[in-house]
Amino acid sequence: MKEKQFETVHDFERILQSALHRAYTIHEALGSRGEELVQKNQFGETALRIDIEAEEAVLDFLKESGIPIRVISEEHGKVEIVPSPVYLGILDGLDGSNRYQAGRGKERYGTMLGIFSNIDPVYGDYVTSGIMEHSTGKLFVTEKGVGSFLLDAQGGRIPLHASEQNILSERTRIYMNGHFDVCHRVFSEKLRQFKITDPRAYATYFSDLASGKVDLILTCTAKNNLEPAIGYGFVAEAGGVMVDLNGESLQDKKYFEFGQHEELPIIIASTEALARDFIRHIRDSI
């Protein structure tokens, strides 16, 4: 296949949108069959049929598009779309599988895809990212230097903005990833006076942060950091920050190096000031 030329961020976003719509089509077509247990993935977890087939739909579309990309995916591992890739794609065919099982078509979960400008990127090398929320049919996209948006049914683009919360208070809306012990160890004991919830899906974490519905997300690196890498662009373009426990932005951290083999705390905040205030609170509580 002759590789096509991709010159602008809009070229990449067009491909990303179409690929995510393919995943949505699979979600709708599978219905209850999507809940069938199929095979174990690279992390030793048993994947659902929807996990596998949504991912395959995206990968097949990328092959059809001619984009010279290498994809790191949850279910299929590393996939070379062309022999000599130029760009890196990061894919989670169904983020929030537990939510899908709890309420297919009702709970919040989605397919996540990000495209980076080179095959060994730092987090700040994102070009475009997208989240297809299957239960609502909402498509969230971000373009570097352009912004984060919700696409409506008529093709309109609704700009998304993180909240302007600057200080940690009892009114701060917090999500915490309760799946990992490190999050409980580092965060929970120091946040007893705060109300913390967990929608249990990164797709929800990032769309809500970018939409201003939550102020602070507490999580950690794990399983190749697929979702945080995809979500970084959403956060940055909506005005938020993603930092480590020392307050250092992930912007210049290498994707293939940072936290790939250990669980490191990550703080995602609507503003840099909120991230700093939260870190001060954590340190003062030691």
C-alpha atoms as a PDB file:
ATOM      1  CA  MET A   1       0.000   0.000   0.000  1.00  0.00           C
ATOM      2  CA  LYS A   2       1.291   3.442  -0.886  1.00  0.00           C
ATOM      3  CA  GLU A   3       1.515   5.636   2.181  1.00  0.00           C
ATOM      4  CA  LYS A   4      -0.534   8.831   2.082  1.00  0.00           C
ATOM      5  CA  GLN A   5       0.758  12.213   3.165  1.00  0.00           C
ATOM      6  CA  PHE A   6      -0.402  13.601   6.500  1.00  0.00           C
ATOM      7  CA  GLU A   7       0.600  17.218   6.867  1.00  0.00           C
ATOM      8  CA  THR A   8      -1.780  18.963   9.271  1.00  0.00           C
ATOM      9  CA  VAL A   9      -3.299  18.150  12.635  1.00  0.00           C
ATOM     10  CA  HIS A  10      -6.680  18.073  10.883  1.00  0.00           C
ATOM     11  CA  ASP A  11      -5.492  15.201   8.680  1.00  0.00           C
ATOM     12  CA  PHE A  12      -4.673  13.164  11.767  1.00  0.00           C
ATOM     13  CA  GLU A  13      -7.876  14.086  13.568  1.00  0.00           C
ATOM     14  CA  ARG A  14      -9.951  13.081  10.549  1.00  0.00           C
ATOM     15  CA  ILE A  15      -8.353   9.621  10.626  1.00  0.00           C
ATOM     16  CA  LEU A  16      -8.786   9.376  14.383  1.00  0.00           C
ATOM     17  CA  GLN A  17     -12.485  10.283  14.241  1.00  0.00           C
ATOM     18  CA  SER A  18     -13.220   7.711  11.543  1.00  0.00           C
ATOM     19  CA  ALA A  19     -11.313   4.993  13.400  1.00  0.00           C
ATOM     20  CA  LEU A  20     -13.257   5.649  16.605  1.00  0.00           C
ATOM     21  CA  HIS A  21     -16.550   5.628  14.724  1.00  0.00           C
ATOM     22  CA  ARG A  22     -15.603   2.163  13.444  1.00  0.00           C
ATOM     23  CA  ALA A  23     -15.222   1.024  17.060  1.00  0.00           C
ATOM     24  CA  TYR A  24     -18.636   2.496  17.886  1.00  0.00           C
ATOM     25  CA  THR A  25     -20.186   0.575  14.990  1.00  0.00           C
ATOM     26  CA  ILE A  26     -18.715  -2.650  16.368  1.00  0.00           C
ATOM     27  CA  HIS A  27     -20.042  -1.863  19.845  1.00  0.00           C
ATOM     28  CA  GLU A  28     -23.546  -1.393  18.488  1.00  0.00           C
ATOM     29  CA  ALA A  29     -23.412  -4.464  16.232  1.00  0.00           C
ATOM     30  CA  LEU A  30     -22.132  -6.876  18.882  1.00  0.00           C
ATOM     31  CA  GLY A  31     -24.783  -6.173  21.488  1.00  0.00           C
ATOM     32  CA  SER A  32     -24.707  -8.792  24.245  1.00  0.00           C
ATOM     33  CA  ARG A  33     -22.171 -10.903  22.306  1.00  0.00           C
ATOM     34  CA  GLY A  34     -19.583  -8.308  23.227  1.00  0.00           C
ATOM     35  CA  GLU A  35     -19.691  -9.588  26.797  1.00  0.00           C
ATOM     36  CA  GLU A  36     -18.303 -13.004  25.837  1.00  0.00           C
ATOM     37  CA  LEU A  37     -14.921 -13.851  27.365  1.00  0.00           C
ATOM     38  CA  VAL A  38     -12.462 -14.498  24.546  1.00  0.00           C
ATOM     39  CA  GLN A  39      -8.763 -14.672  25.470  1.00  0.00           C
ATOM     40  CA  LYS A  40      -6.106 -13.420  27.835  1.00  0.00           C
ATOM     41  CA  ASN A  41      -4.261 -10.255  26.864  1.00  0.00           C
ATOM     42  CA  GLN A  42      -0.609  -9.295  27.394  1.00  0.00           C
ATOM     43  CA  PHE A  43      -1.341  -8.395  31.029  1.00  0.00           C
ATOM     44  CA  GLY A  44      -2.851 -11.784  31.843  1.00  0.00           C
ATOM     45  CA  GLU A  45      -6.386 -10.389  31.950  1.00  0.00           C
ATOM     46  CA  THR A  46      -9.230 -12.146  30.155  1.00  0.00           C
ATOM     47  CA  ALA A  47     -10.472  -9.845  27.419  1.00  0.00           C
ATOM     48  CA  LEU A  48     -14.074  -9.509  26.302  1.00  0.00           C
ATOM     49  CA  ARG A  49     -15.113  -9.869  22.674  1.00  0.00           C
ATOM     50  CA  ILE A  50     -15.796  -6.125  22.569  1.00  0.00           C
ATOM     51  CA  ASP A  51     -12.231  -5.448  23.785  1.00  0.00           C
ATOM     52  CA  ILE A  52     -10.786  -7.464  20.926  1.00  0.00           C
ATOM     53  CA  GLU A  53     -13.118  -6.497  18.110  1.00  0.00           C
ATOM     54  CA  ALA A  54     -13.253  -2.766  18.868  1.00  0.00           C
ATOM     55  CA  GLU A  55      -9.467  -2.708  18.802  1.00  0.00           C
ATOM     56  CA  GLU A  56      -9.366  -4.686  15.559  1.00  0.00           C
ATOM     57  CA  ALA A  57     -11.819  -2.236  13.985  1.00  0.00           C
ATOM     58  CA  VAL A  58      -9.510   0.662  14.766  1.00  0.00           C
ATOM     59  CA  LEU A  59      -6.395  -1.178  13.582  1.00  0.00           C
ATOM     60  CA  ASP A  60      -8.093  -2.222  10.337  1.00  0.00           C
ATOM     61  CA  PHE A  61      -9.139   1.351   9.623  1.00  0.00           C
ATOM     62  CA  LEU A  62      -5.627   2.649  10.265  1.00  0.00           C
ATOM     63  CA  LYS A  63      -4.337   0.111   7.732  1.00  0.00           C
ATOM     64  CA  GLU A  64      -6.922   1.252   5.190  1.00  0.00           C
ATOM     65  CA  SER A  65      -6.015   4.902   5.764  1.00  0.00           C
ATOM     66  CA  GLY A  66      -2.383   4.412   4.792  1.00  0.00           C
ATOM     67  CA  ILE A  67      -1.076   6.290   7.821  1.00  0.00           C
ATOM     68  CA  PRO A  68       2.545   5.240   8.540  1.00  0.00           C
ATOM     69  CA  ILE A  69       2.052   4.388  12.197  1.00  0.00           C
ATOM     70  CA  ARG A  70       3.069   1.883  14.868  1.00  0.00           C
ATOM     71  CA  VAL A  71       0.364   1.162  17.430  1.00  0.00           C
ATOM     72  CA  ILE A  72       0.781   0.141  21.053  1.00  0.00           C
ATOM     73  CA  SER A  73      -2.506  -1.445  22.108  1.00  0.00           C
ATOM     74  CA  GLU A  74      -3.886  -3.158  25.179  1.00  0.00           C
ATOM     75  CA  GLU A  75      -5.134  -6.341  23.545  1.00  0.00           C
ATOM     76  CA  HIS A  76      -2.857  -6.722  20.496  1.00  0.00           C
ATOM     77  CA  GLY A  77       0.417  -5.350  21.869  1.00  0.00           C
ATOM     78  CA  LYS A  78       2.671  -3.679  19.299  1.00  0.00           C
ATOM     79  CA  VAL A  79       1.235  -3.553  15.787  1.00  0.00           C
ATOM     80  CA  GLU A  80       3.175  -2.267  12.798  1.00  0.00           C
ATOM     81  CA  ILE A  81       0.620  -0.764  10.430  1.00  0.00           C
ATOM     82  CA  VAL A  82       3.411  -0.246   7.859  1.00  0.00           C
ATOM     83  CA  PRO A  83       6.982  -1.632   7.725  1.00  0.00           C
ATOM     84  CA  SER A  84       8.647   1.723   8.473  1.00  0.00           C
ATOM     85  CA  PRO A  85       6.349   3.719  10.767  1.00  0.00           C
ATOM     86  CA  VAL A  86       6.790   7.438  11.362  1.00  0.00           C
ATOM     87  CA  TYR A  87       4.148   8.037  14.021  1.00  0.00           C
ATOM     88  CA  LEU A  88       3.085   6.288  17.226  1.00  0.00           C
ATOM     89  CA  GLY A  89      -0.502   5.400  18.037  1.00  0.00           C
ATOM     90  CA  ILE A  90      -1.700   4.343  21.477  1.00  0.00           C
ATOM     91  CA  LEU A  91      -4.957   2.419  21.689  1.00  0.00           C
ATOM     92  CA  ASP A  92      -7.302   0.987  24.283  1.00  0.00           C
ATOM     93  CA  GLY A  93     -10.111  -0.822  22.502  1.00  0.00           C
ATOM     94  CA  LEU A  94     -12.464  -0.638  25.475  1.00  0.00           C
ATOM     95  CA  ASP A  95     -11.451   1.384  28.494  1.00  0.00           C
ATOM     96  CA  GLY A  96     -13.734   0.589  31.407  1.00  0.00           C
ATOM     97  CA  SER A  97     -14.499  -3.060  30.659  1.00  0.00           C
ATOM     98  CA  ASN A  98     -15.799  -3.437  34.224  1.00  0.00           C
ATOM     99  CA  ARG A  99     -18.340  -0.656  33.554  1.00  0.00           C
ATOM    100  CA  TYR A 100     -19.325  -2.344  30.303  1.00  0.00           C
ATOM    101  CA  GLN A 101     -20.000  -5.583  32.163  1.00  0.00           C
ATOM    102  CA  ALA A 102     -21.895  -3.731  34.894  1.00  0.00           C
ATOM    103  CA  GLY A 103     -24.216  -2.010  32.447  1.00  0.00           C
ATOM    104  CA  ARG A 104     -23.618  -2.321  28.723  1.00  0.00           C
ATOM    105  CA  GLY A 105     -25.096   0.702  26.966  1.00  0.00           C
ATOM    106  CA  LYS A 106     -25.813   2.479  30.262  1.00  0.00           C
ATOM    107  CA  GLU A 107     -22.552   2.865  32.163  1.00  0.00           C
ATOM    108  CA  ARG A 108     -19.730   5.130  30.930  1.00  0.00           C
ATOM    109  CA  TYR A 109     -16.827   3.501  29.059  1.00  0.00           C
ATOM    110  CA  GLY A 110     -15.174   3.997  25.699  1.00  0.00           C
ATOM    111  CA  THR A 111     -12.539   3.410  23.056  1.00  0.00           C
ATOM    112  CA  MET A 112      -9.465   5.616  23.398  1.00  0.00           C
ATOM    113  CA  LEU A 113      -6.910   6.444  20.687  1.00  0.00           C
ATOM    114  CA  GLY A 114      -3.996   8.860  20.573  1.00  0.00           C
ATOM    115  CA  ILE A 115      -1.567   9.738  17.781  1.00  0.00           C
ATOM    116  CA  PHE A 116       1.933  11.091  18.467  1.00  0.00           C
ATOM    117  CA  SER A 117       4.305  12.895  16.102  1.00  0.00           C
ATOM    118  CA  ASN A 118       7.123  10.319  16.253  1.00  0.00           C
ATOM    119  CA  ILE A 119       7.752   6.713  17.296  1.00  0.00           C
ATOM    120  CA  ASP A 120       9.660   7.553  20.497  1.00  0.00           C
ATOM    121  CA  PRO A 121       7.625  10.436  21.896  1.00  0.00           C
ATOM    122  CA  VAL A 122       7.468  12.395  25.086  1.00  0.00           C
ATOM    123  CA  TYR A 123       3.972  12.987  26.418  1.00  0.00           C
ATOM    124  CA  GLY A 124       3.947  16.474  24.926  1.00  0.00           C
ATOM    125  CA  ASP A 125       4.414  15.093  21.401  1.00  0.00           C
ATOM    126  CA  TYR A 126       0.687  14.316  21.065  1.00  0.00           C
ATOM    127  CA  VAL A 127      -0.922  15.392  17.804  1.00  0.00           C
ATOM    128  CA  THR A 128      -4.501  14.328  18.423  1.00  0.00           C
ATOM    129  CA  SER A 129      -6.437  12.093  20.795  1.00  0.00           C
ATOM    130  CA  GLY A 130      -9.994  10.853  20.956  1.00  0.00           C
ATOM    131  CA  ILE A 131     -12.475   9.159  23.263  1.00  0.00           C
ATOM    132  CA  MET A 132     -15.603   7.519  21.900  1.00  0.00           C
ATOM    133  CA  GLU A 133     -18.066   7.124  24.775  1.00  0.00           C
ATOM    134  CA  HIS A 134     -20.153   4.223  23.519  1.00  0.00           C
ATOM    135  CA  SER A 135     -23.158   4.395  25.819  1.00  0.00           C
ATOM    136  CA  THR A 136     -23.894   8.005  24.814  1.00  0.00           C
ATOM    137  CA  GLY A 137     -22.345   8.111  21.337  1.00  0.00           C
ATOM    138  CA  LYS A 138     -20.349  11.181  22.380  1.00  0.00           C
ATOM    139  CA  LEU A 139     -16.994  11.722  20.683  1.00  0.00           C
ATOM    140  CA  PHE A 140     -14.379  13.795  22.505  1.00  0.00           C
ATOM    141  CA  VAL A 141     -11.322  14.946  20.536  1.00  0.00           C
ATOM    142  CA  THR A 142      -8.288  17.100  21.069  1.00  0.00           C
ATOM    143  CA  GLU A 143      -5.917  18.743  18.588  1.00  0.00           C
ATOM    144  CA  LYS A 144      -2.527  20.081  19.590  1.00  0.00           C
ATOM    145  CA  GLY A 145      -2.571  23.850  19.719  1.00  0.00           C
ATOM    146  CA  VAL A 146      -6.274  23.958  18.864  1.00  0.00           C
ATOM    147  CA  GLY A 147      -8.114  22.668  21.915  1.00  0.00           C
ATOM    148  CA  SER A 148     -10.295  19.896  23.286  1.00  0.00           C
ATOM    149  CA  PHE A 149     -13.822  19.475  21.966  1.00  0.00           C
ATOM    150  CA  LEU A 150     -17.035  17.506  22.194  1.00  0.00           C
ATOM    151  CA  LEU A 151     -18.389  16.789  18.713  1.00  0.00           C
ATOM    152  CA  ASP A 152     -22.167  17.019  18.494  1.00  0.00           C
ATOM    153  CA  ALA A 153     -24.435  14.983  16.221  1.00  0.00           C
ATOM    154  CA  GLN A 154     -24.461  17.738  13.589  1.00  0.00           C
ATOM    155  CA  GLY A 155     -20.681  17.863  13.387  1.00  0.00           C
ATOM    156  CA  GLY A 156     -20.354  20.957  15.537  1.00  0.00           C
ATOM    157  CA  ARG A 157     -17.409  21.365  17.887  1.00  0.00           C
ATOM    158  CA  ILE A 158     -18.161  22.377  21.465  1.00  0.00           C
ATOM    159  CA  PRO A 159     -14.985  23.697  23.154  1.00  0.00           C
ATOM    160  CA  LEU A 160     -14.059  22.053  26.446  1.00  0.00           C
ATOM    161  CA  HIS A 161     -12.376  23.809  29.353  1.00  0.00           C
ATOM    162  CA  ALA A 162     -11.100  22.487  32.657  1.00  0.00           C
ATOM    163  CA  SER A 163     -12.446  24.151  35.781  1.00  0.00           C
ATOM    164  CA  GLU A 164     -10.536  27.077  37.218  1.00  0.00           C
ATOM    165  CA  GLN A 165     -10.250  25.513  40.673  1.00  0.00           C
ATOM    166  CA  ASN A 166      -7.002  26.827  42.162  1.00  0.00           C
ATOM    167  CA  ILE A 167      -7.054  25.588  45.745  1.00  0.00           C
ATOM    168  CA  LEU A 168      -7.759  22.293  47.469  1.00  0.00           C
ATOM    169  CA  SER A 169     -10.892  22.513  49.565  1.00  0.00           C
ATOM    170  CA  GLU A 170     -13.777  20.352  50.684  1.00  0.00           C
ATOM    171  CA  ARG A 171     -15.595  21.514  47.548  1.00  0.00           C
ATOM    172  CA  THR A 172     -12.882  20.137  45.245  1.00  0.00           C
ATOM    173  CA  ARG A 173     -14.310  17.373  43.072  1.00  0.00           C
ATOM    174  CA  ILE A 174     -11.894  14.421  43.147  1.00  0.00           C
ATOM    175  CA  TYR A 175     -11.671  11.134  41.266  1.00  0.00           C
ATOM    176  CA  MET A 176      -9.193   8.539  42.525  1.00  0.00           C
ATOM    177  CA  ASN A 177      -8.258   5.309  40.806  1.00  0.00           C
ATOM    178  CA  GLY A 178      -9.071   2.837  43.534  1.00  0.00           C
ATOM    179  CA  HIS A 179      -7.739  -0.181  41.662  1.00  0.00           C
ATOM    180  CA  PHE A 180      -4.108   0.359  42.682  1.00  0.00           C
ATOM    181  CA  ASP A 181      -2.730  -0.001  46.205  1.00  0.00           C
ATOM    182  CA  VAL A 182      -0.241   2.800  45.606  1.00  0.00           C
ATOM    183  CA  CYS A 183      -3.117   5.268  45.215  1.00  0.00           C
ATOM    184  CA  HIS A 184      -4.594   4.245  48.557  1.00  0.00           C
ATOM    185  CA  ARG A 185      -1.180   4.308  50.213  1.00  0.00           C
ATOM    186  CA  VAL A 186      -0.130   7.719  48.886  1.00  0.00           C
ATOM    187  CA  PHE A 187      -3.460   9.542  48.723  1.00  0.00           C
ATOM    188  CA  SER A 188      -6.346   8.020  50.692  1.00  0.00           C
ATOM    189  CA  GLU A 189      -5.058   8.383  54.247  1.00  0.00           C
ATOM    190  CA  LYS A 190      -4.389  12.083  53.657  1.00  0.00           C
ATOM    191  CA  LEU A 191      -7.746  12.873  52.108  1.00  0.00           C
ATOM    192  CA  ARG A 192     -10.217  11.554  54.667  1.00  0.00           C
ATOM    193  CA  GLN A 193     -12.047  14.885  54.922  1.00  0.00           C
ATOM    194  CA  PHE A 194     -12.645  14.993  51.162  1.00  0.00           C
ATOM    195  CA  LYS A 195     -15.335  13.326  49.106  1.00  0.00           C
ATOM    196  CA  ILE A 196     -13.654  11.011  46.600  1.00  0.00           C
ATOM    197  CA  THR A 197     -15.371   9.002  43.882  1.00  0.00           C
ATOM    198  CA  ASP A 198     -14.194   6.633  41.173  1.00  0.00           C
ATOM    199  CA  PRO A 199     -16.115   6.163  37.894  1.00  0.00           C
ATOM    200  CA  ARG A 200     -13.616   3.372  37.156  1.00  0.00           C
ATOM    201  CA  ALA A 201     -12.791   4.364  33.587  1.00  0.00           C
ATOM    202  CA  TYR A 202     -10.042   6.608  32.253  1.00  0.00           C
ATOM    203  CA  ALA A 203     -12.359   7.584  29.403  1.00  0.00           C
ATOM    204  CA  THR A 204     -14.589   9.195  32.031  1.00  0.00           C
ATOM    205  CA  TYR A 205     -11.675  10.644  33.997  1.00  0.00           C
ATOM    206  CA  PHE A 206     -10.357  12.596  31.037  1.00  0.00           C
ATOM    207  CA  SER A 207     -13.603  13.658  29.389  1.00  0.00           C
ATOM    208  CA  ASP A 208     -14.868  14.953  32.756  1.00  0.00           C
ATOM    209  CA  LEU A 209     -11.624  16.787  33.570  1.00  0.00           C
ATOM    210  CA  ALA A 210     -11.588  18.443  30.148  1.00  0.00           C
ATOM    211  CA  SER A 211     -15.284  19.312  30.498  1.00  0.00           C
ATOM    212  CA  GLY A 212     -14.841  20.932  33.919  1.00  0.00           C
ATOM    213  CA  LYS A 213     -16.932  18.291  35.717  1.00  0.00           C
ATOM    214  CA  VAL A 214     -14.098  17.171  38.011  1.00  0.00           C
ATOM    215  CA  ASP A 215     -11.146  19.169  39.361  1.00  0.00           C
ATOM    216  CA  LEU A 216      -8.595  16.558  40.403  1.00  0.00           C
ATOM    217  CA  ILE A 217      -7.736  13.009  39.331  1.00  0.00           C
ATOM    218  CA  LEU A 218      -5.378  10.804  41.327  1.00  0.00           C
ATOM    219  CA  THR A 219      -3.947   7.726  39.634  1.00  0.00           C
ATOM    220  CA  CYS A 220      -0.640   6.029  38.821  1.00  0.00           C
ATOM    221  CA  THR A 221       1.403   4.534  36.011  1.00  0.00           C
ATOM    222  CA  ALA A 222       0.539   0.944  35.077  1.00  0.00           C
ATOM    223  CA  LYS A 223       0.039  -1.407  32.113  1.00  0.00           C
ATOM    224  CA  ASN A 224       2.140   0.578  29.601  1.00  0.00           C
ATOM    225  CA  ASN A 225       0.446   3.860  30.610  1.00  0.00           C
ATOM    226  CA  LEU A 226      -1.836   3.646  27.597  1.00  0.00           C
ATOM    227  CA  GLU A 227      -4.653   5.787  28.956  1.00  0.00           C
ATOM    228  CA  PRO A 228      -2.586   8.546  30.638  1.00  0.00           C
ATOM    229  CA  ALA A 229      -0.622   9.002  27.411  1.00  0.00           C
ATOM    230  CA  ILE A 230      -3.825   9.310  25.386  1.00  0.00           C
ATOM    231  CA  GLY A 231      -5.393  11.582  27.991  1.00  0.00           C
ATOM    232  CA  TYR A 232      -2.431  13.944  28.308  1.00  0.00           C
ATOM    233  CA  GLY A 233      -3.481  15.977  25.281  1.00  0.00           C
ATOM    234  CA  PHE A 234      -7.048  16.325  26.564  1.00  0.00           C
ATOM    235  CA  VAL A 235      -5.800  17.712  29.848  1.00  0.00           C
ATOM    236  CA  ALA A 236      -3.240  20.078  28.340  1.00  0.00           C
ATOM    237  CA  GLU A 237      -5.535  21.482  25.647  1.00  0.00           C
ATOM    238  CA  ALA A 238      -8.334  22.039  28.164  1.00  0.00           C
ATOM    239  CA  GLY A 239      -5.998  24.051  30.399  1.00  0.00           C
ATOM    240  CA  GLY A 240      -5.110  21.409  32.968  1.00  0.00           C
ATOM    241  CA  VAL A 241      -1.870  19.746  34.032  1.00  0.00           C
ATOM    242  CA  MET A 242      -0.587  16.202  34.523  1.00  0.00           C
ATOM    243  CA  VAL A 243       2.334  15.946  36.961  1.00  0.00           C
ATOM    244  CA  ASP A 244       4.241  13.450  39.071  1.00  0.00           C
ATOM    245  CA  LEU A 245       4.413  13.509  42.866  1.00  0.00           C
ATOM    246  CA  ASN A 246       7.226  16.090  42.696  1.00  0.00           C
ATOM    247  CA  GLY A 247       5.065  18.427  40.644  1.00  0.00           C
ATOM    248  CA  GLU A 248       7.038  17.866  37.441  1.00  0.00           C
ATOM    249  CA  SER A 249       4.945  17.912  34.291  1.00  0.00           C
ATOM    250  CA  LEU A 250       4.809  14.754  32.212  1.00  0.00           C
ATOM    251  CA  GLN A 251       5.175  16.905  29.095  1.00  0.00           C
ATOM    252  CA  ASP A 252       8.879  16.146  28.590  1.00  0.00           C
ATOM    253  CA  LYS A 253       8.880  12.622  29.996  1.00  0.00           C
ATOM    254  CA  LYS A 254       9.526   9.810  27.511  1.00  0.00           C
ATOM    255  CA  TYR A 255       6.496   7.606  27.027  1.00  0.00           C
ATOM    256  CA  PHE A 256       8.580   4.414  26.801  1.00  0.00           C
ATOM    257  CA  GLU A 257      10.586   5.270  29.922  1.00  0.00           C
ATOM    258  CA  PHE A 258       8.402   6.982  32.514  1.00  0.00           C
ATOM    259  CA  GLY A 259       6.772   4.456  34.843  1.00  0.00           C
ATOM    260  CA  GLN A 260       6.727   1.615  32.345  1.00  0.00           C
ATOM    261  CA  HIS A 261       7.857  -0.924  34.934  1.00  0.00           C
ATOM    262  CA  GLU A 262       6.621   0.561  38.212  1.00  0.00           C
ATOM    263  CA  GLU A 263       3.532   2.195  39.668  1.00  0.00           C
ATOM    264  CA  LEU A 264       4.282   5.903  40.097  1.00  0.00           C
ATOM    265  CA  PRO A 265       1.640   8.332  41.386  1.00  0.00           C
ATOM    266  CA  ILE A 266       0.201  10.791  38.853  1.00  0.00           C
ATOM    267  CA  ILE A 267      -1.747  13.935  39.712  1.00  0.00           C
ATOM    268  CA  ILE A 268      -4.058  15.406  37.079  1.00  0.00           C
ATOM    269  CA  ALA A 269      -5.482  18.805  37.960  1.00  0.00           C
ATOM    270  CA  SER A 270      -7.602  21.485  36.353  1.00  0.00           C
ATOM    271  CA  THR A 271      -4.925  24.103  37.076  1.00  0.00           C
ATOM    272  CA  GLU A 272      -1.246  24.154  37.957  1.00  0.00           C
ATOM    273  CA  ALA A 273      -2.109  26.034  41.151  1.00  0.00           C
ATOM    274  CA  LEU A 274      -4.452  23.243  42.279  1.00  0.00           C
ATOM    275  CA  ALA A 275      -1.785  20.618  41.587  1.00  0.00           C
ATOM    276  CA  ARG A 276       0.743  22.581  43.687  1.00  0.00           C
ATOM    277  CA  ASP A 277      -1.755  23.056  46.517  1.00  0.00           C
ATOM    278  CA  PHE A 278      -2.623  19.362  46.507  1.00  0.00           C
ATOM    279  CA  ILE A 279       1.045  18.342  46.659  1.00  0.00           C
ATOM    280  CA  ARG A 280       1.590  20.742  49.575  1.00  0.00           C
ATOM    281  CA  HIS A 281      -1.329  19.129  51.391  1.00  0.00           C
ATOM    282  CA  ILE A 282       0.067  15.643  50.824  1.00  0.00           C
ATOM    283  CA  ARG A 283       3.521  16.650  52.078  1.00  0.00           C
ATOM    284  CA  ASP A 284       2.156  18.504  55.106  1.00  0.00           C
ATOM    285  CA  SER A 285       0.121  15.419  56.051  1.00  0.00           C
ATOM    286  CA  ILE A 286       3.189  13.157  56.264  1.00  0.00           C
END
